[in-house]
Amino acid sequence: MDRQELTARLKVIIKPFVTNMDAYDNLTEETDFIKDLNINSANLVDIVLDLEENFNIVIDNIDMERMLDVKTALEIIETKLAEK
């Protein structure tokens, strides 16, 4: 799965939690989940759970705390998928 496919799947997962649709529509790897998309920290936990289920991976607390932007989320997903 390439970066573009991962990004597309990530967008589907985060969409229900986004309150700034303009930022969502213009999402890049630099997009911050909290500052740009206005996703609250409780919903970030839901997103992590959805990512784990969708990609069949386990995201530990250290990675969860780092996952604040699209680029880091993609890197963590790619790393976890490579470990499988």
N, C-alpha and C. Protein backbone atom coordinates (compact mmCIF):
# COMPACT_ATOMS: atom_id res chain seq x y z
N MET A 1 0.85 -1.18 0.00
CA MET A 1 0.00 0.00 0.00
C MET A 1 0.90 1.25 0.00
N ASP A 2 0.67 2.14 -0.93
CA ASP A 2 1.53 3.31 -1.01
C ASP A 2 0.98 4.46 -0.14
N ARG A 3 1.76 5.53 -0.06
CA ARG A 3 1.45 6.66 0.81
C ARG A 3 0.11 7.31 0.44
N GLN A 4 -0.18 7.36 -0.84
CA GLN A 4 -1.43 7.96 -1.30
C GLN A 4 -2.64 7.14 -0.83
N GLU A 5 -2.54 5.82 -0.93
CA GLU A 5 -3.62 4.95 -0.45
C GLU A 5 -3.79 5.07 1.06
N LEU A 6 -2.66 5.12 1.78
CA LEU A 6 -2.73 5.27 3.24
C LEU A 6 -3.40 6.59 3.61
N THR A 7 -3.04 7.65 2.91
CA THR A 7 -3.63 8.96 3.18
C THR A 7 -5.13 8.94 2.93
N ALA A 8 -5.55 8.31 1.85
CA ALA A 8 -6.97 8.22 1.52
C ALA A 8 -7.73 7.47 2.61
N ARG A 9 -7.16 6.38 3.09
CA ARG A 9 -7.82 5.60 4.15
C ARG A 9 -7.84 6.38 5.46
N LEU A 10 -6.75 7.10 5.74
CA LEU A 10 -6.69 7.93 6.95
C LEU A 10 -7.77 9.02 6.90
N LYS A 11 -7.95 9.64 5.74
CA LYS A 11 -8.97 10.69 5.60
C LYS A 11 -10.37 10.16 5.90
N VAL A 12 -10.66 8.96 5.43
CA VAL A 12 -11.98 8.36 5.69
C VAL A 12 -12.17 8.16 7.19
N ILE A 13 -11.12 7.72 7.87
CA ILE A 13 -11.20 7.44 9.30
C ILE A 13 -11.38 8.72 10.12
N ILE A 14 -10.66 9.77 9.77
CA ILE A 14 -10.72 10.99 10.59
C ILE A 14 -11.92 11.88 10.27
N LYS A 15 -12.53 11.72 9.11
CA LYS A 15 -13.60 12.63 8.66
C LYS A 15 -14.72 12.83 9.69
N PRO A 16 -15.22 11.78 10.34
CA PRO A 16 -16.33 12.00 11.29
C PRO A 16 -15.96 12.90 12.48
N PHE A 17 -14.67 13.06 12.74
CA PHE A 17 -14.23 13.81 13.91
C PHE A 17 -13.79 15.23 13.58
N VAL A 18 -13.72 15.56 12.30
CA VAL A 18 -13.23 16.87 11.85
C VAL A 18 -14.31 17.93 11.99
N THR A 19 -13.93 19.11 12.52
CA THR A 19 -14.89 20.21 12.59
C THR A 19 -14.50 21.35 11.65
N ASN A 20 -13.30 21.31 11.09
CA ASN A 20 -12.87 22.33 10.12
C ASN A 20 -12.76 21.65 8.75
N MET A 21 -13.85 21.68 8.00
CA MET A 21 -13.88 20.96 6.72
C MET A 21 -12.99 21.61 5.66
N ASP A 22 -12.75 22.91 5.75
CA ASP A 22 -11.83 23.55 4.79
C ASP A 22 -10.44 22.95 4.92
N ALA A 23 -9.97 22.80 6.16
CA ALA A 23 -8.65 22.21 6.38
C ALA A 23 -8.66 20.75 5.94
N TYR A 24 -9.77 20.04 6.17
CA TYR A 24 -9.88 18.64 5.76
C TYR A 24 -9.79 18.53 4.24
N ASP A 25 -10.49 19.40 3.55
CA ASP A 25 -10.49 19.37 2.08
C ASP A 25 -9.11 19.67 1.49
N ASN A 26 -8.29 20.41 2.24
CA ASN A 26 -6.94 20.78 1.80
C ASN A 26 -5.86 20.04 2.59
N LEU A 27 -6.19 18.87 3.10
CA LEU A 27 -5.29 18.10 3.95
C LEU A 27 -3.96 17.78 3.26
N THR A 28 -2.87 18.00 4.00
CA THR A 28 -1.53 17.63 3.54
C THR A 28 -0.87 16.86 4.67
N GLU A 29 0.37 16.42 4.43
CA GLU A 29 1.09 15.71 5.49
C GLU A 29 1.39 16.63 6.67
N GLU A 30 1.40 17.93 6.45
CA GLU A 30 1.69 18.88 7.53
C GLU A 30 0.44 19.24 8.34
N THR A 31 -0.72 18.76 7.94
CA THR A 31 -1.95 19.09 8.65
C THR A 31 -1.91 18.53 10.07
N ASP A 32 -2.18 19.41 11.04
CA ASP A 32 -2.21 19.04 12.46
C ASP A 32 -3.64 18.67 12.83
N PHE A 33 -3.81 17.54 13.51
CA PHE A 33 -5.15 17.07 13.85
C PHE A 33 -5.88 18.04 14.77
N ILE A 34 -5.18 18.58 15.76
CA ILE A 34 -5.82 19.45 16.75
C ILE A 34 -5.91 20.89 16.25
N LYS A 35 -4.78 21.46 15.84
CA LYS A 35 -4.75 22.88 15.44
C LYS A 35 -5.50 23.15 14.14
N ASP A 36 -5.31 22.30 13.14
CA ASP A 36 -5.90 22.56 11.82
C ASP A 36 -7.30 21.97 11.66
N LEU A 37 -7.48 20.73 12.10
CA LEU A 37 -8.75 20.04 11.88
C LEU A 37 -9.72 20.19 13.06
N ASN A 38 -9.22 20.78 14.16
CA ASN A 38 -10.04 21.00 15.37
C ASN A 38 -10.59 19.69 15.95
N ILE A 39 -9.80 18.64 15.89
CA ILE A 39 -10.18 17.37 16.49
C ILE A 39 -9.74 17.42 17.95
N ASN A 40 -10.65 17.11 18.87
CA ASN A 40 -10.27 17.16 20.28
C ASN A 40 -9.51 15.90 20.70
N SER A 41 -8.84 15.99 21.84
CA SER A 41 -7.95 14.90 22.26
C SER A 41 -8.71 13.60 22.52
N ALA A 42 -9.93 13.69 22.99
CA ALA A 42 -10.72 12.47 23.21
C ALA A 42 -11.00 11.77 21.88
N ASN A 43 -11.27 12.56 20.86
CA ASN A 43 -11.53 11.97 19.54
C ASN A 43 -10.26 11.42 18.91
N LEU A 44 -9.09 11.95 19.29
CA LEU A 44 -7.83 11.38 18.79
C LEU A 44 -7.69 9.94 19.25
N VAL A 45 -8.14 9.66 20.46
CA VAL A 45 -8.11 8.27 20.96
C VAL A 45 -9.01 7.39 20.11
N ASP A 46 -10.19 7.90 19.78
CA ASP A 46 -11.11 7.15 18.90
C ASP A 46 -10.47 6.89 17.54
N ILE A 47 -9.76 7.89 17.02
CA ILE A 47 -9.09 7.74 15.73
C ILE A 47 -8.03 6.66 15.80
N VAL A 48 -7.26 6.64 16.88
CA VAL A 48 -6.23 5.61 17.05
C VAL A 48 -6.88 4.23 17.08
N LEU A 49 -7.96 4.09 17.81
CA LEU A 49 -8.67 2.80 17.87
C LEU A 49 -9.17 2.40 16.48
N ASP A 50 -9.70 3.36 15.74
CA ASP A 50 -10.18 3.07 14.39
C ASP A 50 -9.03 2.69 13.46
N LEU A 51 -7.88 3.36 13.62
CA LEU A 51 -6.70 3.01 12.82
C LEU A 51 -6.25 1.59 13.12
N GLU A 52 -6.23 1.24 14.41
CA GLU A 52 -5.82 -0.11 14.78
C GLU A 52 -6.74 -1.15 14.15
N GLU A 53 -8.02 -0.90 14.20
CA GLU A 53 -8.99 -1.85 13.63
C GLU A 53 -8.89 -1.89 12.11
N ASN A 54 -8.82 -0.74 11.48
CA ASN A 54 -8.81 -0.66 10.03
C ASN A 54 -7.57 -1.27 9.41
N PHE A 55 -6.42 -1.05 10.04
CA PHE A 55 -5.15 -1.55 9.49
C PHE A 55 -4.66 -2.82 10.17
N ASN A 56 -5.42 -3.30 11.17
CA ASN A 56 -5.05 -4.50 11.93
C ASN A 56 -3.64 -4.36 12.52
N ILE A 57 -3.43 -3.24 13.24
CA ILE A 57 -2.15 -2.96 13.88
C ILE A 57 -2.41 -2.59 15.34
N VAL A 58 -1.33 -2.52 16.13
CA VAL A 58 -1.41 -2.08 17.51
C VAL A 58 -0.54 -0.83 17.65
N ILE A 59 -1.13 0.23 18.14
CA ILE A 59 -0.41 1.49 18.33
C ILE A 59 -0.21 1.69 19.83
N ASP A 60 1.05 1.68 20.27
CA ASP A 60 1.33 1.81 21.70
C ASP A 60 1.18 3.27 22.16
N ASN A 61 1.25 3.48 23.47
CA ASN A 61 1.03 4.81 24.03
C ASN A 61 2.06 5.83 23.55
N ILE A 62 3.31 5.41 23.39
CA ILE A 62 4.36 6.32 22.93
C ILE A 62 4.02 6.84 21.53
N ASP A 63 3.63 5.93 20.64
CA ASP A 63 3.26 6.35 19.29
C ASP A 63 1.98 7.18 19.30
N MET A 64 1.05 6.82 20.17
CA MET A 64 -0.21 7.55 20.25
C MET A 64 0.04 9.02 20.63
N GLU A 65 0.96 9.24 21.56
CA GLU A 65 1.27 10.60 22.00
C GLU A 65 1.94 11.41 20.90
N ARG A 66 2.66 10.76 19.99
CA ARG A 66 3.34 11.44 18.88
C ARG A 66 2.41 11.75 17.72
N MET A 67 1.28 11.06 17.65
CA MET A 67 0.41 11.12 16.49
C MET A 67 -0.47 12.37 16.52
N LEU A 68 0.14 13.51 16.20
CA LEU A 68 -0.57 14.78 16.25
C LEU A 68 -0.78 15.39 14.87
N ASP A 69 -0.13 14.82 13.86
CA ASP A 69 -0.30 15.35 12.50
C ASP A 69 -0.36 14.19 11.51
N VAL A 70 -0.74 14.52 10.30
CA VAL A 70 -0.93 13.51 9.27
C VAL A 70 0.37 12.77 8.97
N LYS A 71 1.47 13.50 8.83
CA LYS A 71 2.75 12.88 8.48
C LYS A 71 3.17 11.84 9.52
N THR A 72 3.09 12.20 10.79
CA THR A 72 3.47 11.25 11.85
C THR A 72 2.54 10.05 11.86
N ALA A 73 1.25 10.29 11.67
CA ALA A 73 0.29 9.17 11.64
C ALA A 73 0.63 8.21 10.51
N LEU A 74 0.93 8.74 9.34
CA LEU A 74 1.29 7.88 8.20
C LEU A 74 2.57 7.10 8.47
N GLU A 75 3.56 7.76 9.08
CA GLU A 75 4.82 7.09 9.39
C GLU A 75 4.60 5.95 10.39
N ILE A 76 3.78 6.19 11.39
CA ILE A 76 3.49 5.15 12.39
C ILE A 76 2.75 3.99 11.74
N ILE A 77 1.78 4.27 10.90
CA ILE A 77 1.02 3.21 10.22
C ILE A 77 1.96 2.41 9.34
N GLU A 78 2.80 3.08 8.57
CA GLU A 78 3.74 2.38 7.69
C GLU A 78 4.69 1.49 8.48
N THR A 79 5.20 1.99 9.59
CA THR A 79 6.10 1.21 10.44
C THR A 79 5.41 -0.02 10.99
N LYS A 80 4.19 0.16 11.48
CA LYS A 80 3.44 -0.96 12.07
C LYS A 80 3.10 -1.99 10.99
N LEU A 81 2.74 -1.55 9.81
CA LEU A 81 2.42 -2.49 8.74
C LEU A 81 3.67 -3.27 8.31
N ALA A 82 4.82 -2.61 8.32
CA ALA A 82 6.07 -3.27 7.93
C ALA A 82 6.49 -4.32 8.96
N GLU A 83 6.08 -4.13 10.21
CA GLU A 83 6.44 -5.07 11.27
C GLU A 83 5.61 -6.36 11.20
N LYS A 84 4.50 -6.32 10.50
CA LYS A 84 3.60 -7.48 10.43
C LYS A 84 4.20 -8.60 9.60
